[in-house]
Every structure is written in structure tokens, then in C-alpha cells.
Amino acid sequence: MSTAAAAQAAIQQAIKASGAIIKIEANDFGRMLSRMDDGLVIEHQSKLFFKDVYKYSTSYKGFVFYCKSNEKITIPTRLESISAKHIWVPQ
């Protein structure tokens, strides 16, 4: 098996293990957070060409949601948040 094929197989296995991850727009992610009574939001901030980039992930009604934004999303205080060193989403 070539290196590329092995990498693709590993990605496919990661997708199977994690289930569906749904990418949504930042404004939709913020609206979803406002509807949540409790939960956990994972956030990560990085720089890309001197601009801040924010990534967020959370679980809502049995689905995992992910978004990327150039602006920070306000997380309601009733929700727990964790700052991650990195958020990786299978492509």
C-alpha cells in the first residue's frame, strides 16, 4: 500500500470513528449556541497571515458541529468551554 493510500485509509477510519461532523457558518453556530441550555464548546485560536482565525466545535442534539471564523464567537456563560491547542476535522 502506498503512503498516499495509507494516509487516505487513516482519514477514512477517523471519519468512521468520529461519525459525521457538520460544518456550518459562524453566524449559524452562534445562533445554535444561544439555543443550547447546557453543553461544551471547544475553541481554538490561531493566526493565519497575521489574522486571527477561530475554530469551534460542539455537540448538539446528537450531531457534532464545527465552524471556522475570522471573528470571535461569544460563548454563553451557561455553556462550558475548553480552549484546545488544535482542532482537527477530517476532510
PDB file of N, CA and C in Angstrom:
ATOM      1  N   MET A   1       0.850  -1.169   0.000  1.00  0.00           N
ATOM      2  CA  MET A   1       0.000   0.000   0.000  1.00  0.00           C
ATOM      3  C   MET A   1       0.899   1.236   0.000  1.00  0.00           C
ATOM      4  N   SER A   2       0.627   2.179  -0.887  1.00  0.00           N
ATOM      5  CA  SER A   2       1.445   3.388  -0.954  1.00  0.00           C
ATOM      6  C   SER A   2       1.184   4.274   0.257  1.00  0.00           C
ATOM      7  N   THR A   3       2.080   5.236   0.460  1.00  0.00           N
ATOM      8  CA  THR A   3       1.928   6.175   1.581  1.00  0.00           C
ATOM      9  C   THR A   3       0.643   6.980   1.441  1.00  0.00           C
ATOM     10  N   ALA A   4       0.339   7.423   0.227  1.00  0.00           N
ATOM     11  CA  ALA A   4      -0.887   8.201  -0.004  1.00  0.00           C
ATOM     12  C   ALA A   4      -2.127   7.364   0.281  1.00  0.00           C
ATOM     13  N   ALA A   5      -2.110   6.107  -0.140  1.00  0.00           N
ATOM     14  CA  ALA A   5      -3.250   5.223   0.106  1.00  0.00           C
ATOM     15  C   ALA A   5      -3.408   4.946   1.588  1.00  0.00           C
ATOM     16  N   ALA A   6      -2.285   4.789   2.282  1.00  0.00           N
ATOM     17  CA  ALA A   6      -2.339   4.554   3.727  1.00  0.00           C
ATOM     18  C   ALA A   6      -2.886   5.780   4.446  1.00  0.00           C
ATOM     19  N   ALA A   7      -2.477   6.968   4.005  1.00  0.00           N
ATOM     20  CA  ALA A   7      -2.987   8.199   4.616  1.00  0.00           C
ATOM     21  C   ALA A   7      -4.482   8.336   4.380  1.00  0.00           C
ATOM     22  N   GLN A   8      -4.934   8.033   3.159  1.00  0.00           N
ATOM     23  CA  GLN A   8      -6.362   8.105   2.857  1.00  0.00           C
ATOM     24  C   GLN A   8      -7.149   7.094   3.680  1.00  0.00           C
ATOM     25  N   ALA A   9      -6.613   5.910   3.865  1.00  0.00           N
ATOM     26  CA  ALA A   9      -7.273   4.896   4.685  1.00  0.00           C
ATOM     27  C   ALA A   9      -7.375   5.359   6.133  1.00  0.00           C
ATOM     28  N   ALA A  10      -6.329   6.013   6.642  1.00  0.00           N
ATOM     29  CA  ALA A  10      -6.348   6.524   8.019  1.00  0.00           C
ATOM     30  C   ALA A  10      -7.393   7.618   8.172  1.00  0.00           C
ATOM     31  N   ILE A  11      -7.516   8.472   7.169  1.00  0.00           N
ATOM     32  CA  ILE A  11      -8.535   9.530   7.214  1.00  0.00           C
ATOM     33  C   ILE A  11      -9.932   8.923   7.202  1.00  0.00           C
ATOM     34  N   GLN A  12     -10.152   7.951   6.346  1.00  0.00           N
ATOM     35  CA  GLN A  12     -11.456   7.293   6.293  1.00  0.00           C
ATOM     36  C   GLN A  12     -11.805   6.620   7.616  1.00  0.00           C
ATOM     37  N   GLN A  13     -10.816   6.017   8.249  1.00  0.00           N
ATOM     38  CA  GLN A  13     -11.040   5.374   9.544  1.00  0.00           C
ATOM     39  C   GLN A  13     -11.380   6.410  10.613  1.00  0.00           C
ATOM     40  N   ALA A  14     -10.711   7.564  10.565  1.00  0.00           N
ATOM     41  CA  ALA A  14     -11.003   8.644  11.519  1.00  0.00           C
ATOM     42  C   ALA A  14     -12.420   9.151  11.346  1.00  0.00           C
ATOM     43  N   ILE A  15     -12.862   9.270  10.110  1.00  0.00           N
ATOM     44  CA  ILE A  15     -14.226   9.715   9.842  1.00  0.00           C
ATOM     45  C   ILE A  15     -15.229   8.700  10.392  1.00  0.00           C
ATOM     46  N   LYS A  16     -14.979   7.432  10.175  1.00  0.00           N
ATOM     47  CA  LYS A  16     -15.868   6.394  10.705  1.00  0.00           C
ATOM     48  C   LYS A  16     -15.910   6.418  12.223  1.00  0.00           C
ATOM     49  N   ALA A  17     -14.751   6.619  12.849  1.00  0.00           N
ATOM     50  CA  ALA A  17     -14.676   6.615  14.312  1.00  0.00           C
ATOM     51  C   ALA A  17     -15.368   7.823  14.921  1.00  0.00           C
ATOM     52  N   SER A  18     -15.296   8.971  14.250  1.00  0.00           N
ATOM     53  CA  SER A  18     -15.853  10.190  14.825  1.00  0.00           C
ATOM     54  C   SER A  18     -17.302  10.415  14.428  1.00  0.00           C
ATOM     55  N   GLY A  19     -17.773   9.746  13.411  1.00  0.00           N
ATOM     56  CA  GLY A  19     -19.119   9.986  12.929  1.00  0.00           C
ATOM     57  C   GLY A  19     -19.147  11.233  12.061  1.00  0.00           C
ATOM     58  N   ALA A  20     -20.330  11.689  11.733  1.00  0.00           N
ATOM     59  CA  ALA A  20     -20.469  12.864  10.878  1.00  0.00           C
ATOM     60  C   ALA A  20     -20.120  14.129  11.653  1.00  0.00           C
ATOM     61  N   ILE A  21     -19.345  14.978  11.034  1.00  0.00           N
ATOM     62  CA  ILE A  21     -19.036  16.294  11.584  1.00  0.00           C
ATOM     63  C   ILE A  21     -19.603  17.295  10.596  1.00  0.00           C
ATOM     64  N   ILE A  22     -20.482  18.149  11.078  1.00  0.00           N
ATOM     65  CA  ILE A  22     -21.212  19.054  10.204  1.00  0.00           C
ATOM     66  C   ILE A  22     -20.597  20.442  10.292  1.00  0.00           C
ATOM     67  N   LYS A  23     -20.119  20.944   9.154  1.00  0.00           N
ATOM     68  CA  LYS A  23     -19.528  22.285   9.104  1.00  0.00           C
ATOM     69  C   LYS A  23     -20.631  23.283   8.800  1.00  0.00           C
ATOM     70  N   ILE A  24     -20.736  24.313   9.645  1.00  0.00           N
ATOM     71  CA  ILE A  24     -21.744  25.349   9.449  1.00  0.00           C
ATOM     72  C   ILE A  24     -21.075  26.716   9.508  1.00  0.00           C
ATOM     73  N   GLU A  25     -21.794  27.729   9.080  1.00  0.00           N
ATOM     74  CA  GLU A  25     -21.291  29.101   9.109  1.00  0.00           C
ATOM     75  C   GLU A  25     -21.258  29.613  10.547  1.00  0.00           C
ATOM     76  N   ALA A  26     -20.380  30.567  10.799  1.00  0.00           N
ATOM     77  CA  ALA A  26     -20.190  31.097  12.155  1.00  0.00           C
ATOM     78  C   ALA A  26     -21.464  31.704  12.733  1.00  0.00           C
ATOM     79  N   ASN A  27     -22.240  32.424  11.919  1.00  0.00           N
ATOM     80  CA  ASN A  27     -23.471  33.025  12.451  1.00  0.00           C
ATOM     81  C   ASN A  27     -24.484  31.953  12.837  1.00  0.00           C
ATOM     82  N   ASP A  28     -24.539  30.851  12.092  1.00  0.00           N
ATOM     83  CA  ASP A  28     -25.426  29.737  12.449  1.00  0.00           C
ATOM     84  C   ASP A  28     -24.934  29.048  13.721  1.00  0.00           C
ATOM     85  N   PHE A  29     -23.620  28.928  13.863  1.00  0.00           N
ATOM     86  CA  PHE A  29     -23.044  28.326  15.064  1.00  0.00           C
ATOM     87  C   PHE A  29     -23.407  29.166  16.290  1.00  0.00           C
ATOM     88  N   GLY A  30     -23.276  30.478  16.185  1.00  0.00           N
ATOM     89  CA  GLY A  30     -23.644  31.373  17.290  1.00  0.00           C
ATOM     90  C   GLY A  30     -25.109  31.259  17.660  1.00  0.00           C
ATOM     91  N   ARG A  31     -25.979  31.177  16.646  1.00  0.00           N
ATOM     92  CA  ARG A  31     -27.419  31.014  16.923  1.00  0.00           C
ATOM     93  C   ARG A  31     -27.705  29.688  17.612  1.00  0.00           C
ATOM     94  N   MET A  32     -26.994  28.649  17.183  1.00  0.00           N
ATOM     95  CA  MET A  32     -27.181  27.339  17.804  1.00  0.00           C
ATOM     96  C   MET A  32     -26.764  27.400  19.279  1.00  0.00           C
ATOM     97  N   LEU A  33     -25.635  28.049  19.569  1.00  0.00           N
ATOM     98  CA  LEU A  33     -25.184  28.175  20.956  1.00  0.00           C
ATOM     99  C   LEU A  33     -26.215  28.911  21.802  1.00  0.00           C
ATOM    100  N   SER A  34     -26.869  29.902  21.235  1.00  0.00           N
ATOM    101  CA  SER A  34     -27.864  30.667  22.003  1.00  0.00           C
ATOM    102  C   SER A  34     -29.077  29.817  22.354  1.00  0.00           C
ATOM    103  N   ARG A  35     -29.333  28.739  21.597  1.00  0.00           N
ATOM    104  CA  ARG A  35     -30.472  27.847  21.874  1.00  0.00           C
ATOM    105  C   ARG A  35     -30.124  26.726  22.846  1.00  0.00           C
ATOM    106  N   MET A  36     -28.831  26.515  23.097  1.00  0.00           N
ATOM    107  CA  MET A  36     -28.417  25.411  23.966  1.00  0.00           C
ATOM    108  C   MET A  36     -28.576  25.788  25.435  1.00  0.00           C
ATOM    109  N   ASP A  37     -29.159  24.867  26.221  1.00  0.00           N
ATOM    110  CA  ASP A  37     -29.319  25.089  27.658  1.00  0.00           C
ATOM    111  C   ASP A  37     -28.029  24.785  28.415  1.00  0.00           C
ATOM    112  N   ASP A  38     -27.299  23.794  27.954  1.00  0.00           N
ATOM    113  CA  ASP A  38     -26.018  23.440  28.556  1.00  0.00           C
ATOM    114  C   ASP A  38     -25.201  22.730  27.497  1.00  0.00           C
ATOM    115  N   GLY A  39     -23.961  22.465  27.799  1.00  0.00           N
ATOM    116  CA  GLY A  39     -23.109  21.768  26.840  1.00  0.00           C
ATOM    117  C   GLY A  39     -21.678  22.246  26.929  1.00  0.00           C
ATOM    118  N   LEU A  40     -20.878  21.729  26.036  1.00  0.00           N
ATOM    119  CA  LEU A  40     -19.452  22.007  25.991  1.00  0.00           C
ATOM    120  C   LEU A  40     -19.090  22.535  24.613  1.00  0.00           C
ATOM    121  N   VAL A  41     -18.326  23.611  24.581  1.00  0.00           N
ATOM    122  CA  VAL A  41     -17.827  24.182  23.332  1.00  0.00           C
ATOM    123  C   VAL A  41     -16.310  24.118  23.375  1.00  0.00           C
ATOM    124  N   ILE A  42     -15.718  23.552  22.334  1.00  0.00           N
ATOM    125  CA  ILE A  42     -14.266  23.504  22.228  1.00  0.00           C
ATOM    126  C   ILE A  42     -13.860  24.613  21.276  1.00  0.00           C
ATOM    127  N   GLU A  43     -12.894  25.427  21.695  1.00  0.00           N
ATOM    128  CA  GLU A  43     -12.482  26.547  20.860  1.00  0.00           C
ATOM    129  C   GLU A  43     -10.966  26.566  20.694  1.00  0.00           C
ATOM    130  N   HIS A  44     -10.534  27.107  19.567  1.00  0.00           N
ATOM    131  CA  HIS A  44      -9.105  27.217  19.265  1.00  0.00           C
ATOM    132  C   HIS A  44      -8.881  28.514  18.511  1.00  0.00           C
ATOM    133  N   GLN A  45      -7.842  29.247  18.895  1.00  0.00           N
ATOM    134  CA  GLN A  45      -7.482  30.478  18.206  1.00  0.00           C
ATOM    135  C   GLN A  45      -6.088  30.321  17.620  1.00  0.00           C
ATOM    136  N   SER A  46      -5.935  30.717  16.368  1.00  0.00           N
ATOM    137  CA  SER A  46      -4.622  30.671  15.722  1.00  0.00           C
ATOM    138  C   SER A  46      -4.457  31.906  14.848  1.00  0.00           C
ATOM    139  N   LYS A  47      -3.300  32.025  14.262  1.00  0.00           N
ATOM    140  CA  LYS A  47      -3.022  33.135  13.349  1.00  0.00           C
ATOM    141  C   LYS A  47      -2.758  32.568  11.962  1.00  0.00           C
ATOM    142  N   LEU A  48      -3.266  33.243  10.950  1.00  0.00           N
ATOM    143  CA  LEU A  48      -3.008  32.880   9.568  1.00  0.00           C
ATOM    144  C   LEU A  48      -2.721  34.177   8.820  1.00  0.00           C
ATOM    145  N   PHE A  49      -1.481  34.341   8.411  1.00  0.00           N
ATOM    146  CA  PHE A  49      -1.065  35.581   7.737  1.00  0.00           C
ATOM    147  C   PHE A  49      -1.424  36.812   8.569  1.00  0.00           C
ATOM    148  N   PHE A  50      -1.084  36.772   9.844  1.00  0.00           N
ATOM    149  CA  PHE A  50      -1.269  37.884  10.789  1.00  0.00           C
ATOM    150  C   PHE A  50      -2.731  38.180  11.111  1.00  0.00           C
ATOM    151  N   LYS A  51      -3.647  37.301  10.734  1.00  0.00           N
ATOM    152  CA  LYS A  51      -5.063  37.464  11.077  1.00  0.00           C
ATOM    153  C   LYS A  51      -5.459  36.368  12.045  1.00  0.00           C
ATOM    154  N   ASP A  52      -6.312  36.712  12.995  1.00  0.00           N
ATOM    155  CA  ASP A  52      -6.824  35.716  13.923  1.00  0.00           C
ATOM    156  C   ASP A  52      -7.819  34.806  13.203  1.00  0.00           C
ATOM    157  N   VAL A  53      -7.725  33.524  13.498  1.00  0.00           N
ATOM    158  CA  VAL A  53      -8.672  32.529  12.992  1.00  0.00           C
ATOM    159  C   VAL A  53      -9.172  31.746  14.200  1.00  0.00           C
ATOM    160  N   TYR A  54     -10.486  31.624  14.321  1.00  0.00           N
ATOM    161  CA  TYR A  54     -11.100  30.918  15.436  1.00  0.00           C
ATOM    162  C   TYR A  54     -11.807  29.678  14.907  1.00  0.00           C
ATOM    163  N   LYS A  55     -11.636  28.565  15.605  1.00  0.00           N
ATOM    164  CA  LYS A  55     -12.335  27.321  15.273  1.00  0.00           C
ATOM    165  C   LYS A  55     -13.131  26.888  16.499  1.00  0.00           C
ATOM    166  N   TYR A  56     -14.323  26.375  16.250  1.00  0.00           N
ATOM    167  CA  TYR A  56     -15.219  25.951  17.324  1.00  0.00           C
ATOM    168  C   TYR A  56     -15.837  24.600  16.983  1.00  0.00           C
ATOM    169  N   SER A  57     -16.116  23.826  18.020  1.00  0.00           N
ATOM    170  CA  SER A  57     -16.799  22.554  17.855  1.00  0.00           C
ATOM    171  C   SER A  57     -17.689  22.312  19.067  1.00  0.00           C
ATOM    172  N   THR A  58     -18.847  21.725  18.818  1.00  0.00           N
ATOM    173  CA  THR A  58     -19.754  21.360  19.906  1.00  0.00           C
ATOM    174  C   THR A  58     -20.677  20.245  19.440  1.00  0.00           C
ATOM    175  N   SER A  59     -21.316  19.615  20.378  1.00  0.00           N
ATOM    176  CA  SER A  59     -22.311  18.590  20.103  1.00  0.00           C
ATOM    177  C   SER A  59     -23.685  19.167  20.410  1.00  0.00           C
ATOM    178  N   TYR A  60     -24.633  18.936  19.501  1.00  0.00           N
ATOM    179  CA  TYR A  60     -25.989  19.452  19.692  1.00  0.00           C
ATOM    180  C   TYR A  60     -26.978  18.454  19.103  1.00  0.00           C
ATOM    181  N   LYS A  61     -27.875  17.962  19.947  1.00  0.00           N
ATOM    182  CA  LYS A  61     -28.924  17.024  19.542  1.00  0.00           C
ATOM    183  C   LYS A  61     -28.363  15.806  18.803  1.00  0.00           C
ATOM    184  N   GLY A  62     -27.233  15.307  19.304  1.00  0.00           N
ATOM    185  CA  GLY A  62     -26.659  14.089  18.763  1.00  0.00           C
ATOM    186  C   GLY A  62     -25.738  14.272  17.567  1.00  0.00           C
ATOM    187  N   PHE A  63     -25.551  15.500  17.117  1.00  0.00           N
ATOM    188  CA  PHE A  63     -24.672  15.773  15.985  1.00  0.00           C
ATOM    189  C   PHE A  63     -23.476  16.604  16.454  1.00  0.00           C
ATOM    190  N   VAL A  64     -22.355  16.470  15.762  1.00  0.00           N
ATOM    191  CA  VAL A  64     -21.171  17.273  16.066  1.00  0.00           C
ATOM    192  C   VAL A  64     -21.090  18.382  15.022  1.00  0.00           C
ATOM    193  N   PHE A  65     -21.001  19.625  15.493  1.00  0.00           N
ATOM    194  CA  PHE A  65     -20.937  20.786  14.614  1.00  0.00           C
ATOM    195  C   PHE A  65     -19.586  21.468  14.751  1.00  0.00           C
ATOM    196  N   TYR A  66     -19.138  22.063  13.652  1.00  0.00           N
ATOM    197  CA  TYR A  66     -17.837  22.698  13.576  1.00  0.00           C
ATOM    198  C   TYR A  66     -17.972  23.977  12.752  1.00  0.00           C
ATOM    199  N   CYS A  67     -17.238  25.015  13.152  1.00  0.00           N
ATOM    200  CA  CYS A  67     -17.177  26.206  12.307  1.00  0.00           C
ATOM    201  C   CYS A  67     -15.824  26.873  12.456  1.00  0.00           C
ATOM    202  N   LYS A  68     -15.499  27.678  11.469  1.00  0.00           N
ATOM    203  CA  LYS A  68     -14.276  28.465  11.462  1.00  0.00           C
ATOM    204  C   LYS A  68     -14.696  29.899  11.200  1.00  0.00           C
ATOM    205  N   SER A  69     -14.086  30.855  11.921  1.00  0.00           N
ATOM    206  CA  SER A  69     -14.489  32.247  11.815  1.00  0.00           C
ATOM    207  C   SER A  69     -13.278  33.167  11.923  1.00  0.00           C
ATOM    208  N   ASN A  70     -13.376  34.321  11.290  1.00  0.00           N
ATOM    209  CA  ASN A  70     -12.339  35.342  11.435  1.00  0.00           C
ATOM    210  C   ASN A  70     -12.589  36.215  12.652  1.00  0.00           C
ATOM    211  N   GLU A  71     -13.750  36.056  13.262  1.00  0.00           N
ATOM    212  CA  GLU A  71     -14.107  36.829  14.455  1.00  0.00           C
ATOM    213  C   GLU A  71     -14.489  35.889  15.581  1.00  0.00           C
ATOM    214  N   LYS A  72     -14.208  36.320  16.798  1.00  0.00           N
ATOM    215  CA  LYS A  72     -14.510  35.516  17.984  1.00  0.00           C
ATOM    216  C   LYS A  72     -16.019  35.418  18.167  1.00  0.00           C
ATOM    217  N   ILE A  73     -16.495  34.229  18.472  1.00  0.00           N
ATOM    218  CA  ILE A  73     -17.909  33.998  18.761  1.00  0.00           C
ATOM    219  C   ILE A  73     -18.089  34.038  20.271  1.00  0.00           C
ATOM    220  N   THR A  74     -19.089  34.771  20.726  1.00  0.00           N
ATOM    221  CA  THR A  74     -19.372  34.847  22.154  1.00  0.00           C
ATOM    222  C   THR A  74     -20.047  33.553  22.598  1.00  0.00           C
ATOM    223  N   ILE A  75     -19.439  32.898  23.579  1.00  0.00           N
ATOM    224  CA  ILE A  75     -19.995  31.656  24.119  1.00  0.00           C
ATOM    225  C   ILE A  75     -20.790  32.014  25.371  1.00  0.00           C
ATOM    226  N   PRO A  76     -22.094  31.676  25.414  1.00  0.00           N
ATOM    227  CA  PRO A  76     -22.897  31.995  26.603  1.00  0.00           C
ATOM    228  C   PRO A  76     -22.272  31.395  27.867  1.00  0.00           C
ATOM    229  N   THR A  77     -22.371  32.104  28.973  1.00  0.00           N
ATOM    230  CA  THR A  77     -21.741  31.673  30.221  1.00  0.00           C
ATOM    231  C   THR A  77     -22.340  30.383  30.774  1.00  0.00           C
ATOM    232  N   ARG A  78     -23.551  30.028  30.363  1.00  0.00           N
ATOM    233  CA  ARG A  78     -24.158  28.779  30.848  1.00  0.00           C
ATOM    234  C   ARG A  78     -23.510  27.552  30.207  1.00  0.00           C
ATOM    235  N   LEU A  79     -22.743  27.758  29.152  1.00  0.00           N
ATOM    236  CA  LEU A  79     -22.053  26.664  28.478  1.00  0.00           C
ATOM    237  C   LEU A  79     -20.611  26.585  28.961  1.00  0.00           C
ATOM    238  N   GLU A  80     -20.117  25.384  29.096  1.00  0.00           N
ATOM    239  CA  GLU A  80     -18.716  25.173  29.461  1.00  0.00           C
ATOM    240  C   GLU A  80     -17.881  25.315  28.190  1.00  0.00           C
ATOM    241  N   SER A  81     -16.691  25.881  28.330  1.00  0.00           N
ATOM    242  CA  SER A  81     -15.816  25.977  27.164  1.00  0.00           C
ATOM    243  C   SER A  81     -14.415  25.500  27.520  1.00  0.00           C
ATOM    244  N   ILE A  82     -13.767  24.919  26.529  1.00  0.00           N
ATOM    245  CA  ILE A  82     -12.407  24.427  26.681  1.00  0.00           C
ATOM    246  C   ILE A  82     -11.592  25.008  25.536  1.00  0.00           C
ATOM    247  N   SER A  83     -10.421  25.524  25.868  1.00  0.00           N
ATOM    248  CA  SER A  83      -9.507  26.021  24.855  1.00  0.00           C
ATOM    249  C   SER A  83      -8.583  24.897  24.447  1.00  0.00           C
ATOM    250  N   ALA A  84      -8.598  24.541  23.164  1.00  0.00           N
ATOM    251  CA  ALA A  84      -7.788  23.429  22.670  1.00  0.00           C
ATOM    252  C   ALA A  84      -6.521  23.958  21.985  1.00  0.00           C
ATOM    253  N   LYS A  85      -5.462  23.161  22.008  1.00  0.00           N
ATOM    254  CA  LYS A  85      -4.255  23.525  21.283  1.00  0.00           C
ATOM    255  C   LYS A  85      -4.470  23.419  19.785  1.00  0.00           C
ATOM    256  N   HIS A  86      -5.370  22.532  19.374  1.00  0.00           N
ATOM    257  CA  HIS A  86      -5.646  22.351  17.944  1.00  0.00           C
ATOM    258  C   HIS A  86      -6.989  21.642  17.789  1.00  0.00           C
ATOM    259  N   ILE A  87      -7.721  22.000  16.762  1.00  0.00           N
ATOM    260  CA  ILE A  87      -8.933  21.279  16.392  1.00  0.00           C
ATOM    261  C   ILE A  87      -8.709  20.743  14.994  1.00  0.00           C
ATOM    262  N   TRP A  88      -8.804  19.424  14.843  1.00  0.00           N
ATOM    263  CA  TRP A  88      -8.629  18.782  13.544  1.00  0.00           C
ATOM    264  C   TRP A  88      -9.931  18.162  13.110  1.00  0.00           C
ATOM    265  N   VAL A  89     -10.315  18.431  11.882  1.00  0.00           N
ATOM    266  CA  VAL A  89     -11.538  17.880  11.326  1.00  0.00           C
ATOM    267  C   VAL A  89     -11.161  17.094  10.078  1.00  0.00           C
ATOM    268  N   PRO A  90     -11.549  15.823   9.973  1.00  0.00           N
ATOM    269  CA  PRO A  90     -11.219  15.050   8.775  1.00  0.00           C
ATOM    270  C   PRO A  90     -11.825  15.705   7.540  1.00  0.00           C
ATOM    271  N   GLN A  91     -11.085  15.707   6.459  1.00  0.00           N
ATOM    272  CA  GLN A  91     -11.570  16.310   5.202  1.00  0.00           C
ATOM    273  C   GLN A  91     -12.113  15.248   4.284  1.00  0.00           C
TER     274      GLN A  91
END
